C-alpha atoms as a PDB file:
ATOM      1  CA  UNK A   1      22.043  27.341 -20.329  1.00  0.00           C
ATOM      2  CA  UNK A   2      19.270  25.885 -22.274  1.00  0.00           C
ATOM      3  CA  UNK A   3      19.545  22.453 -20.540  1.00  0.00           C
ATOM      4  CA  UNK A   4      19.237  24.165 -16.834  1.00  0.00           C
ATOM      5  CA  UNK A   5      16.432  26.325 -17.865  1.00  0.00           C
ATOM      6  CA  UNK A   6      14.550  23.510 -19.271  1.00  0.00           C
ATOM      7  CA  UNK A   7      15.041  21.300 -16.487  1.00  0.00           C
ATOM      8  CA  UNK A   8      13.911  24.188 -14.294  1.00  0.00           C
ATOM      9  CA  UNK A   9      10.723  24.475 -16.589  1.00  0.00           C
ATOM     10  CA  UNK A  10      10.128  21.067 -16.619  1.00  0.00           C
ATOM     11  CA  UNK A  11      10.339  20.541 -13.018  1.00  0.00           C
ATOM     12  CA  UNK A  12       7.263  23.075 -12.776  1.00  0.00           C
ATOM     13  CA  UNK A  13       8.226  24.801  -9.336  1.00  0.00           C
ATOM     14  CA  UNK A  14       5.086  25.857  -6.997  1.00  0.00           C
ATOM     15  CA  UNK A  15       6.454  28.548  -5.295  1.00  0.00           C
ATOM     16  CA  UNK A  16       9.443  30.892  -4.143  1.00  0.00           C
ATOM     17  CA  UNK A  17      11.098  28.356  -2.100  1.00  0.00           C
ATOM     18  CA  UNK A  18      10.775  25.096  -4.719  1.00  0.00           C
ATOM     19  CA  UNK A  19      12.063  27.751  -7.642  1.00  0.00           C
ATOM     20  CA  UNK A  20      15.059  28.310  -5.600  1.00  0.00           C
ATOM     21  CA  UNK A  21      15.422  24.620  -4.743  1.00  0.00           C
ATOM     22  CA  UNK A  22      14.997  23.733  -8.352  1.00  0.00           C
ATOM     23  CA  UNK A  23      17.450  26.263  -9.417  1.00  0.00           C
ATOM     24  CA  UNK A  24      19.880  24.875  -6.958  1.00  0.00           C
ATOM     25  CA  UNK A  25      19.546  21.161  -8.478  1.00  0.00           C
ATOM     26  CA  UNK A  26      20.000  22.577 -11.941  1.00  0.00           C
ATOM     27  CA  UNK A  27      23.257  24.477 -11.058  1.00  0.00           C
ATOM     28  CA  UNK A  28      24.201  21.456  -9.043  1.00  0.00           C
ATOM     29  CA  UNK A  29      23.174  18.845 -11.847  1.00  0.00           C
ATOM     30  CA  UNK A  30      25.349  21.007 -14.376  1.00  0.00           C
ATOM     31  CA  UNK A  31      28.449  21.307 -12.308  1.00  0.00           C
ATOM     32  CA  UNK A  32      28.615  17.362 -11.615  1.00  0.00           C
ATOM     33  CA  UNK A  33      28.080  16.825 -15.468  1.00  0.00           C
ATOM     34  CA  UNK A  34      31.191  19.222 -16.354  1.00  0.00           C
ATOM     35  CA  UNK A  35      33.137  17.666 -13.624  1.00  0.00           C
ATOM     36  CA  UNK A  36      32.493  14.310 -15.025  1.00  0.00           C
ATOM     37  CA  UNK A  37      32.903  15.293 -18.564  1.00  0.00           C
ATOM     38  CA  UNK A  38      36.379  15.842 -17.780  1.00  0.00           C
ATOM     39  CA  UNK A  39      37.098  11.898 -17.392  1.00  0.00           C
ATOM     40  CA  UNK A  40      36.055  11.916 -21.291  1.00  0.00           C
ATOM     41  CA  UNK A  41      39.236  10.622 -23.336  1.00  0.00           C
ATOM     42  CA  UNK A  42      41.502  10.891 -20.414  1.00  0.00           C
ATOM     43  CA  UNK A  43      43.163   7.678 -18.874  1.00  0.00           C
ATOM     44  CA  UNK A  44      44.792   8.587 -15.935  1.00  0.00           C
ATOM     45  CA  UNK A  45      46.463  11.752 -14.213  1.00  0.00           C
ATOM     46  CA  UNK A  46      47.085  13.093 -10.954  1.00  0.00           C
ATOM     47  CA  UNK A  47      43.904  15.290 -10.718  1.00  0.00           C
ATOM     48  CA  UNK A  48      41.567  12.048 -11.331  1.00  0.00           C
ATOM     49  CA  UNK A  49      40.712  11.415  -7.608  1.00  0.00           C
ATOM     50  CA  UNK A  50      40.306  14.898  -6.750  1.00  0.00           C
ATOM     51  CA  UNK A  51      37.835  15.367  -9.666  1.00  0.00           C
ATOM     52  CA  UNK A  52      36.075  11.896  -8.984  1.00  0.00           C
ATOM     53  CA  UNK A  53      35.448  13.003  -5.434  1.00  0.00           C
ATOM     54  CA  UNK A  54      33.698  16.474  -6.242  1.00  0.00           C
ATOM     55  CA  UNK A  55      31.771  14.725  -8.817  1.00  0.00           C
ATOM     56  CA  UNK A  56      30.510  12.257  -6.232  1.00  0.00           C
ATOM     57  CA  UNK A  57      29.850  14.854  -3.491  1.00  0.00           C
ATOM     58  CA  UNK A  58      27.854  16.898  -6.273  1.00  0.00           C
ATOM     59  CA  UNK A  59      25.751  13.874  -7.318  1.00  0.00           C
ATOM     60  CA  UNK A  60      25.030  12.959  -3.440  1.00  0.00           C
ATOM     61  CA  UNK A  61      24.165  16.767  -2.927  1.00  0.00           C
ATOM     62  CA  UNK A  62      21.748  16.340  -5.991  1.00  0.00           C
ATOM     63  CA  UNK A  63      20.436  13.123  -4.695  1.00  0.00           C
ATOM     64  CA  UNK A  64      19.612  14.933  -1.536  1.00  0.00           C
ATOM     65  CA  UNK A  65      18.206  18.171  -3.300  1.00  0.00           C
ATOM     66  CA  UNK A  66      15.688  15.651  -5.025  1.00  0.00           C
ATOM     67  CA  UNK A  67      14.948  14.061  -1.399  1.00  0.00           C
ATOM     68  CA  UNK A  68      13.902  17.700  -0.503  1.00  0.00           C
ATOM     69  CA  UNK A  69      11.664  18.656  -3.118  1.00  0.00           C
ATOM     70  CA  UNK A  70       9.859  15.548  -2.895  1.00  0.00           C
ATOM     71  CA  UNK A  71       9.357  16.411   0.876  1.00  0.00           C
ATOM     72  CA  UNK A  72       8.487  19.501  -0.023  1.00  0.00           C
ATOM     73  CA  UNK A  73       5.701  18.930  -2.355  1.00  0.00           C
ATOM     74  CA  UNK A  74       4.516  15.438  -0.385  1.00  0.00           C
ATOM     75  CA  UNK A  75       4.506  16.714   3.152  1.00  0.00           C
ATOM     76  CA  UNK A  76       7.081  13.875   3.986  1.00  0.00           C
ATOM     77  CA  UNK A  77       4.316  11.413   4.615  1.00  0.00           C
ATOM     78  CA  UNK A  78       4.501   7.841   3.155  1.00  0.00           C
ATOM     79  CA  UNK A  79       1.598   5.741   2.340  1.00  0.00           C
ATOM     80  CA  UNK A  80       1.818   1.865   2.362  1.00  0.00           C
ATOM     81  CA  UNK A  81      -0.830   0.255   1.142  1.00  0.00           C
ATOM     82  CA  UNK A  82      -1.476  -3.552   1.339  1.00  0.00           C
ATOM     83  CA  UNK A  83      -2.889  -5.355  -1.149  1.00  0.00           C
ATOM     84  CA  UNK A  84      -3.284  -8.938  -0.187  1.00  0.00           C
ATOM     85  CA  UNK A  85      -2.431 -10.611   3.296  1.00  0.00           C
ATOM     86  CA  UNK A  86      -2.465 -14.292   4.089  1.00  0.00           C
ATOM     87  CA  UNK A  87      -3.420 -15.033   7.542  1.00  0.00           C
ATOM     88  CA  UNK A  88      -2.672 -18.868   8.773  1.00  0.00           C
ATOM     89  CA  UNK A  89      -4.784 -20.924  11.019  1.00  0.00           C
ATOM     90  CA  UNK A  90      -4.415 -19.813  14.520  1.00  0.00           C
ATOM     91  CA  UNK A  91      -3.133 -16.172  13.225  1.00  0.00           C
ATOM     92  CA  UNK A  92      -5.077 -12.970  13.770  1.00  0.00           C
ATOM     93  CA  UNK A  93      -5.017  -9.935  11.359  1.00  0.00           C
ATOM     94  CA  UNK A  94      -6.166  -6.171  11.781  1.00  0.00           C
ATOM     95  CA  UNK A  95      -7.451  -4.499   9.134  1.00  0.00           C
ATOM     96  CA  UNK A  96      -7.645  -0.572   9.056  1.00  0.00           C
ATOM     97  CA  UNK A  97      -5.637   2.238  10.723  1.00  0.00           C
ATOM     98  CA  UNK A  98      -3.346   1.170  12.983  1.00  0.00           C
ATOM     99  CA  UNK A  99      -1.568   3.974  15.283  1.00  0.00           C
ATOM    100  CA  UNK A 100       1.325   2.644  17.716  1.00  0.00           C
ATOM    101  CA  UNK A 101       0.601   3.427  21.783  1.00  0.00           C
ATOM    102  CA  UNK A 102       2.637   6.517  21.355  1.00  0.00           C
ATOM    103  CA  UNK A 103       0.705   7.880  18.723  1.00  0.00           C
ATOM    104  CA  UNK A 104      -2.678   7.126  20.325  1.00  0.00           C
ATOM    105  CA  UNK A 105      -1.213   9.099  23.580  1.00  0.00           C
ATOM    106  CA  UNK A 106      -0.228  12.101  21.426  1.00  0.00           C
ATOM    107  CA  UNK A 107      -3.891  12.112  19.713  1.00  0.00           C
ATOM    108  CA  UNK A 108      -5.312  11.700  23.327  1.00  0.00           C
ATOM    109  CA  UNK A 109      -3.405  14.088  24.649  1.00  0.00           C
ATOM    110  CA  UNK A 110      -4.420  16.781  22.174  1.00  0.00           C
ATOM    111  CA  UNK A 111      -8.016  15.968  22.217  1.00  0.00           C
ATOM    112  CA  UNK A 112      -8.087  16.130  26.159  1.00  0.00           C
ATOM    113  CA  UNK A 113      -5.389  19.271  26.207  1.00  0.00           C
ATOM    114  CA  UNK A 114      -3.824  18.039  29.790  1.00  0.00           C
ATOM    115  CA  UNK A 115      -1.894  20.301  31.435  1.00  0.00           C
ATOM    116  CA  UNK A 116       2.176  20.039  30.717  1.00  0.00           C
ATOM    117  CA  UNK A 117       2.717  18.949  34.120  1.00  0.00           C
ATOM    118  CA  UNK A 118       1.309  15.743  33.289  1.00  0.00           C
ATOM    119  CA  UNK A 119       3.394  13.154  31.753  1.00  0.00           C
ATOM    120  CA  UNK A 120       2.126  10.192  30.108  1.00  0.00           C
ATOM    121  CA  UNK A 121       4.480   7.051  28.994  1.00  0.00           C
ATOM    122  CA  UNK A 122       3.652   3.604  27.524  1.00  0.00           C
ATOM    123  CA  UNK A 123       5.374   0.816  29.167  1.00  0.00           C
ATOM    124  CA  UNK A 124       5.530  -2.061  27.559  1.00  0.00           C
ATOM    125  CA  UNK A 125       5.346  -5.531  29.748  1.00  0.00           C
ATOM    126  CA  UNK A 126       5.533  -8.662  27.724  1.00  0.00           C
ATOM    127  CA  UNK A 127       2.783  -8.802  24.827  1.00  0.00           C
ATOM    128  CA  UNK A 128       0.765  -5.944  26.999  1.00  0.00           C
ATOM    129  CA  UNK A 129       0.944  -2.477  27.067  1.00  0.00           C
ATOM    130  CA  UNK A 130       0.386  -0.346  30.014  1.00  0.00           C
ATOM    131  CA  UNK A 131      -0.107   3.680  30.437  1.00  0.00           C
ATOM    132  CA  UNK A 132       1.489   4.946  33.006  1.00  0.00           C
ATOM    133  CA  UNK A 133       0.661   8.841  34.164  1.00  0.00           C
ATOM    134  CA  UNK A 134       3.262  10.542  36.299  1.00  0.00           C
ATOM    135  CA  UNK A 135       2.573  14.224  37.756  1.00  0.00           C
ATOM    136  CA  UNK A 136       5.881  16.175  37.514  1.00  0.00           C
END
C-alpha cells in the first residue's frame, strides 16, 4: 500500500485524468508484482503457465499505461533533432522545417477555408508532386 502511494506521489499527476491513470498504473504494477512474487521458490506446478500469462498481460497493460501518460503529458508529438549531416558531392540538403505535400495541403485548406465540396489530392508522378483539384 505504501509503495503504491509513493508511486502515485512520485508521478505527480497534473489533473483528474492523470490522477486516475496514475492510480490505475499503481494498481496494475502492484498486481503484476504480486503475480510475479508467486514464482519465488516454486519450481514447477500446473498453474505456472497461467500465472506467467497473467503477469505478461499485466506488464503489457502497464507499459501501455506508461505510454498513455507520456502522450497525455506531451501531447503525442515527437521532436527529431538532427545535429550533423553529411552531404556528398552532387547531393542536396534542405535545412529548416520540412512538411509533406499532404501537410501543406491541410495547412493551405485551413488558411484559405475552401468549401467542403472541393477535394484536393496530391499525386506523385516520378519524382514530382502535382496538385489535383476535384469538384465534388
